Amino acid sequence: MKSSQVSTKNLHELVDEVVANYLQAHEKAALPQNVYRLIMSEVEKTLVRQVMRYTLDNQLQAAKVLGISRNTLARKLREHNLISGKG
């Protein structure tokens, strides 16, 4: 989807579609282990990265948007190797 296009789907519909596509892309015998952890980690990383972009890397604003503390955000940035080179 182009960034100029707006989806009419709700977030849960988009997530449902992506997860279904991911699972269907794997044969049942070859499905990776720990799918819950894998998907949750990818969603968290993507969410944090996008909110940081949205707030122009302002960690205090990003933490407010995410509803987490600034310290928790800093930990998540380190966990997901999302620390920017800006100081």
N, C-alpha and C. Protein backbone atom coordinates (compact mmCIF):
# COMPACT_ATOMS: atom_id res chain seq x y z
N MET A 1 0.84 -1.17 0.00
CA MET A 1 0.00 0.00 0.00
C MET A 1 0.89 1.24 0.00
N LYS A 2 0.61 2.18 -0.85
CA LYS A 2 1.36 3.42 -0.89
C LYS A 2 1.05 4.25 0.34
N SER A 3 2.03 5.05 0.79
CA SER A 3 1.84 5.84 2.00
C SER A 3 0.72 6.86 1.84
N SER A 4 0.42 7.24 0.60
CA SER A 4 -0.65 8.21 0.39
C SER A 4 -2.03 7.57 0.45
N GLN A 5 -2.09 6.25 0.41
CA GLN A 5 -3.36 5.55 0.49
C GLN A 5 -3.70 5.28 1.95
N VAL A 6 -4.96 5.42 2.29
CA VAL A 6 -5.42 5.16 3.64
C VAL A 6 -6.24 3.88 3.62
N SER A 7 -5.90 2.96 4.53
CA SER A 7 -6.64 1.71 4.61
C SER A 7 -7.97 1.94 5.31
N THR A 8 -8.99 1.27 4.83
CA THR A 8 -10.28 1.34 5.50
C THR A 8 -10.44 0.21 6.51
N LYS A 9 -9.41 -0.62 6.63
CA LYS A 9 -9.44 -1.72 7.58
C LYS A 9 -9.04 -1.24 8.96
N ASN A 10 -9.60 -1.88 9.98
CA ASN A 10 -9.19 -1.62 11.36
C ASN A 10 -7.86 -2.29 11.60
N LEU A 11 -7.18 -1.87 12.65
CA LEU A 11 -5.88 -2.43 12.98
C LEU A 11 -5.96 -3.94 13.18
N HIS A 12 -6.98 -4.41 13.89
CA HIS A 12 -7.09 -5.86 14.12
C HIS A 12 -7.30 -6.62 12.81
N GLU A 13 -7.97 -6.02 11.85
CA GLU A 13 -8.15 -6.67 10.56
C GLU A 13 -6.83 -6.76 9.81
N LEU A 14 -6.03 -5.72 9.87
CA LEU A 14 -4.72 -5.72 9.21
C LEU A 14 -3.80 -6.76 9.86
N VAL A 15 -3.78 -6.80 11.19
CA VAL A 15 -2.95 -7.77 11.90
C VAL A 15 -3.42 -9.18 11.58
N ASP A 16 -4.72 -9.41 11.57
CA ASP A 16 -5.28 -10.72 11.25
C ASP A 16 -4.83 -11.18 9.87
N GLU A 17 -4.87 -10.28 8.91
CA GLU A 17 -4.47 -10.60 7.54
C GLU A 17 -2.98 -10.94 7.45
N VAL A 18 -2.15 -10.15 8.11
CA VAL A 18 -0.71 -10.38 8.07
C VAL A 18 -0.34 -11.70 8.74
N VAL A 19 -0.92 -11.97 9.90
CA VAL A 19 -0.61 -13.22 10.61
C VAL A 19 -1.10 -14.41 9.81
N ALA A 20 -2.29 -14.32 9.24
CA ALA A 20 -2.80 -15.42 8.41
C ALA A 20 -1.88 -15.68 7.22
N ASN A 21 -1.44 -14.62 6.56
CA ASN A 21 -0.52 -14.77 5.42
C ASN A 21 0.79 -15.38 5.85
N TYR A 22 1.30 -14.97 7.01
CA TYR A 22 2.56 -15.50 7.51
C TYR A 22 2.44 -17.00 7.77
N LEU A 23 1.37 -17.40 8.43
CA LEU A 23 1.19 -18.81 8.74
C LEU A 23 0.95 -19.64 7.48
N GLN A 24 0.20 -19.10 6.54
CA GLN A 24 -0.07 -19.82 5.30
C GLN A 24 1.18 -19.96 4.44
N ALA A 25 2.13 -19.08 4.61
CA ALA A 25 3.35 -19.12 3.81
C ALA A 25 4.28 -20.25 4.24
N HIS A 26 4.01 -20.84 5.39
CA HIS A 26 4.84 -21.93 5.90
C HIS A 26 4.05 -23.24 5.86
N GLU A 27 4.74 -24.29 5.49
CA GLU A 27 4.12 -25.60 5.61
C GLU A 27 4.02 -25.91 7.09
N LYS A 28 2.98 -26.62 7.48
CA LYS A 28 2.79 -26.91 8.90
C LYS A 28 4.01 -27.59 9.50
N ALA A 29 4.66 -28.45 8.77
CA ALA A 29 5.83 -29.16 9.29
C ALA A 29 7.02 -28.22 9.44
N ALA A 30 7.05 -27.12 8.67
CA ALA A 30 8.20 -26.22 8.70
C ALA A 30 7.91 -24.93 9.46
N LEU A 31 6.78 -24.87 10.15
CA LEU A 31 6.43 -23.66 10.89
C LEU A 31 7.47 -23.40 11.96
N PRO A 32 7.96 -22.18 12.05
CA PRO A 32 9.00 -21.89 13.04
C PRO A 32 8.48 -22.07 14.46
N GLN A 33 9.41 -22.34 15.36
CA GLN A 33 9.07 -22.47 16.77
C GLN A 33 8.89 -21.08 17.38
N ASN A 34 8.18 -21.03 18.47
CA ASN A 34 7.99 -19.77 19.21
C ASN A 34 7.38 -18.66 18.36
N VAL A 35 6.33 -18.99 17.62
CA VAL A 35 5.69 -18.02 16.74
C VAL A 35 5.17 -16.81 17.54
N TYR A 36 4.64 -17.07 18.73
CA TYR A 36 4.14 -15.96 19.54
C TYR A 36 5.25 -14.97 19.83
N ARG A 37 6.36 -15.45 20.33
CA ARG A 37 7.50 -14.58 20.67
C ARG A 37 8.03 -13.87 19.43
N LEU A 38 8.13 -14.60 18.32
CA LEU A 38 8.63 -14.01 17.08
C LEU A 38 7.74 -12.86 16.61
N ILE A 39 6.44 -13.10 16.55
CA ILE A 39 5.51 -12.09 16.05
C ILE A 39 5.44 -10.90 17.01
N MET A 40 5.37 -11.16 18.30
CA MET A 40 5.28 -10.06 19.26
C MET A 40 6.54 -9.20 19.23
N SER A 41 7.69 -9.83 19.07
CA SER A 41 8.94 -9.07 18.99
C SER A 41 8.96 -8.20 17.75
N GLU A 42 8.54 -8.76 16.62
CA GLU A 42 8.52 -7.98 15.37
C GLU A 42 7.52 -6.83 15.44
N VAL A 43 6.36 -7.09 16.04
CA VAL A 43 5.35 -6.03 16.17
C VAL A 43 5.88 -4.93 17.08
N GLU A 44 6.47 -5.30 18.20
CA GLU A 44 7.00 -4.31 19.13
C GLU A 44 8.10 -3.48 18.48
N LYS A 45 9.02 -4.14 17.80
CA LYS A 45 10.11 -3.43 17.13
C LYS A 45 9.56 -2.45 16.09
N THR A 46 8.62 -2.90 15.29
CA THR A 46 8.03 -2.05 14.26
C THR A 46 7.28 -0.88 14.88
N LEU A 47 6.51 -1.15 15.92
CA LEU A 47 5.75 -0.09 16.59
C LEU A 47 6.69 0.98 17.16
N VAL A 48 7.71 0.54 17.87
CA VAL A 48 8.65 1.50 18.46
C VAL A 48 9.36 2.30 17.36
N ARG A 49 9.81 1.62 16.31
CA ARG A 49 10.51 2.31 15.22
C ARG A 49 9.60 3.35 14.56
N GLN A 50 8.35 2.98 14.29
CA GLN A 50 7.43 3.91 13.62
C GLN A 50 7.06 5.09 14.51
N VAL A 51 6.87 4.86 15.81
CA VAL A 51 6.55 5.96 16.71
C VAL A 51 7.76 6.89 16.86
N MET A 52 8.95 6.33 16.87
CA MET A 52 10.14 7.18 16.91
C MET A 52 10.22 8.05 15.66
N ARG A 53 9.91 7.49 14.51
CA ARG A 53 9.88 8.29 13.27
C ARG A 53 8.81 9.37 13.37
N TYR A 54 7.63 8.99 13.85
CA TYR A 54 6.49 9.90 13.97
C TYR A 54 6.83 11.09 14.87
N THR A 55 7.60 10.84 15.93
CA THR A 55 7.96 11.90 16.88
C THR A 55 9.32 12.51 16.57
N LEU A 56 9.85 12.20 15.40
CA LEU A 56 11.16 12.71 14.97
C LEU A 56 12.25 12.38 15.99
N ASP A 57 12.23 11.15 16.49
CA ASP A 57 13.21 10.63 17.45
C ASP A 57 13.19 11.31 18.81
N ASN A 58 12.08 11.95 19.14
CA ASN A 58 11.94 12.55 20.47
C ASN A 58 11.45 11.45 21.42
N GLN A 59 12.36 10.96 22.26
CA GLN A 59 12.04 9.82 23.12
C GLN A 59 10.96 10.14 24.14
N LEU A 60 10.93 11.35 24.67
CA LEU A 60 9.89 11.70 25.64
C LEU A 60 8.51 11.68 24.98
N GLN A 61 8.41 12.28 23.80
CA GLN A 61 7.13 12.26 23.08
C GLN A 61 6.75 10.84 22.67
N ALA A 62 7.73 10.07 22.20
CA ALA A 62 7.46 8.69 21.79
C ALA A 62 6.95 7.87 22.96
N ALA A 63 7.56 8.03 24.12
CA ALA A 63 7.11 7.30 25.31
C ALA A 63 5.67 7.66 25.64
N LYS A 64 5.32 8.94 25.52
CA LYS A 64 3.94 9.36 25.78
C LYS A 64 2.97 8.75 24.78
N VAL A 65 3.35 8.76 23.50
CA VAL A 65 2.49 8.17 22.47
C VAL A 65 2.29 6.67 22.74
N LEU A 66 3.36 6.00 23.13
CA LEU A 66 3.30 4.56 23.40
C LEU A 66 2.64 4.22 24.73
N GLY A 67 2.58 5.18 25.63
CA GLY A 67 2.00 4.93 26.94
C GLY A 67 2.92 4.16 27.86
N ILE A 68 4.23 4.37 27.68
CA ILE A 68 5.23 3.72 28.51
C ILE A 68 6.18 4.78 29.06
N SER A 69 6.98 4.40 30.05
CA SER A 69 7.92 5.36 30.61
C SER A 69 9.09 5.57 29.65
N ARG A 70 9.78 6.68 29.82
CA ARG A 70 10.95 6.98 29.01
C ARG A 70 12.03 5.92 29.22
N ASN A 71 12.18 5.42 30.46
CA ASN A 71 13.17 4.37 30.74
C ASN A 71 12.82 3.07 30.02
N THR A 72 11.53 2.73 30.00
CA THR A 72 11.10 1.52 29.29
C THR A 72 11.35 1.67 27.79
N LEU A 73 11.07 2.84 27.25
CA LEU A 73 11.35 3.08 25.84
C LEU A 73 12.83 2.93 25.55
N ALA A 74 13.67 3.51 26.39
CA ALA A 74 15.12 3.42 26.18
C ALA A 74 15.57 1.95 26.18
N ARG A 75 15.00 1.15 27.07
CA ARG A 75 15.33 -0.27 27.12
C ARG A 75 14.88 -0.98 25.84
N LYS A 76 13.69 -0.65 25.37
CA LYS A 76 13.17 -1.28 24.14
C LYS A 76 14.02 -0.87 22.94
N LEU A 77 14.47 0.37 22.90
CA LEU A 77 15.33 0.81 21.81
C LEU A 77 16.63 0.01 21.79
N ARG A 78 17.18 -0.24 22.98
CA ARG A 78 18.41 -1.05 23.06
C ARG A 78 18.13 -2.50 22.67
N GLU A 79 17.05 -3.07 23.20
CA GLU A 79 16.70 -4.46 22.92
C GLU A 79 16.56 -4.72 21.42
N HIS A 80 15.98 -3.77 20.73
CA HIS A 80 15.70 -3.94 19.30
C HIS A 80 16.74 -3.26 18.41
N ASN A 81 17.85 -2.83 19.00
CA ASN A 81 18.93 -2.17 18.24
C ASN A 81 18.41 -1.00 17.42
N LEU A 82 17.59 -0.17 18.06
CA LEU A 82 16.99 0.98 17.38
C LEU A 82 17.56 2.30 17.87
N ILE A 83 18.68 2.27 18.55
CA ILE A 83 19.29 3.49 19.05
C ILE A 83 19.77 4.30 17.85
N SER A 84 19.33 5.55 17.79
CA SER A 84 19.76 6.41 16.68
C SER A 84 21.15 6.94 16.95
N GLY A 85 21.80 7.41 15.93
CA GLY A 85 23.14 7.96 16.05
C GLY A 85 23.16 9.39 16.54
N LYS A 86 22.03 9.91 17.00
CA LYS A 86 21.91 11.31 17.42
C LYS A 86 22.24 11.47 18.90
N GLY A 87 23.46 11.23 19.28
CA GLY A 87 23.83 11.53 20.66
C GLY A 87 23.41 10.59 21.63
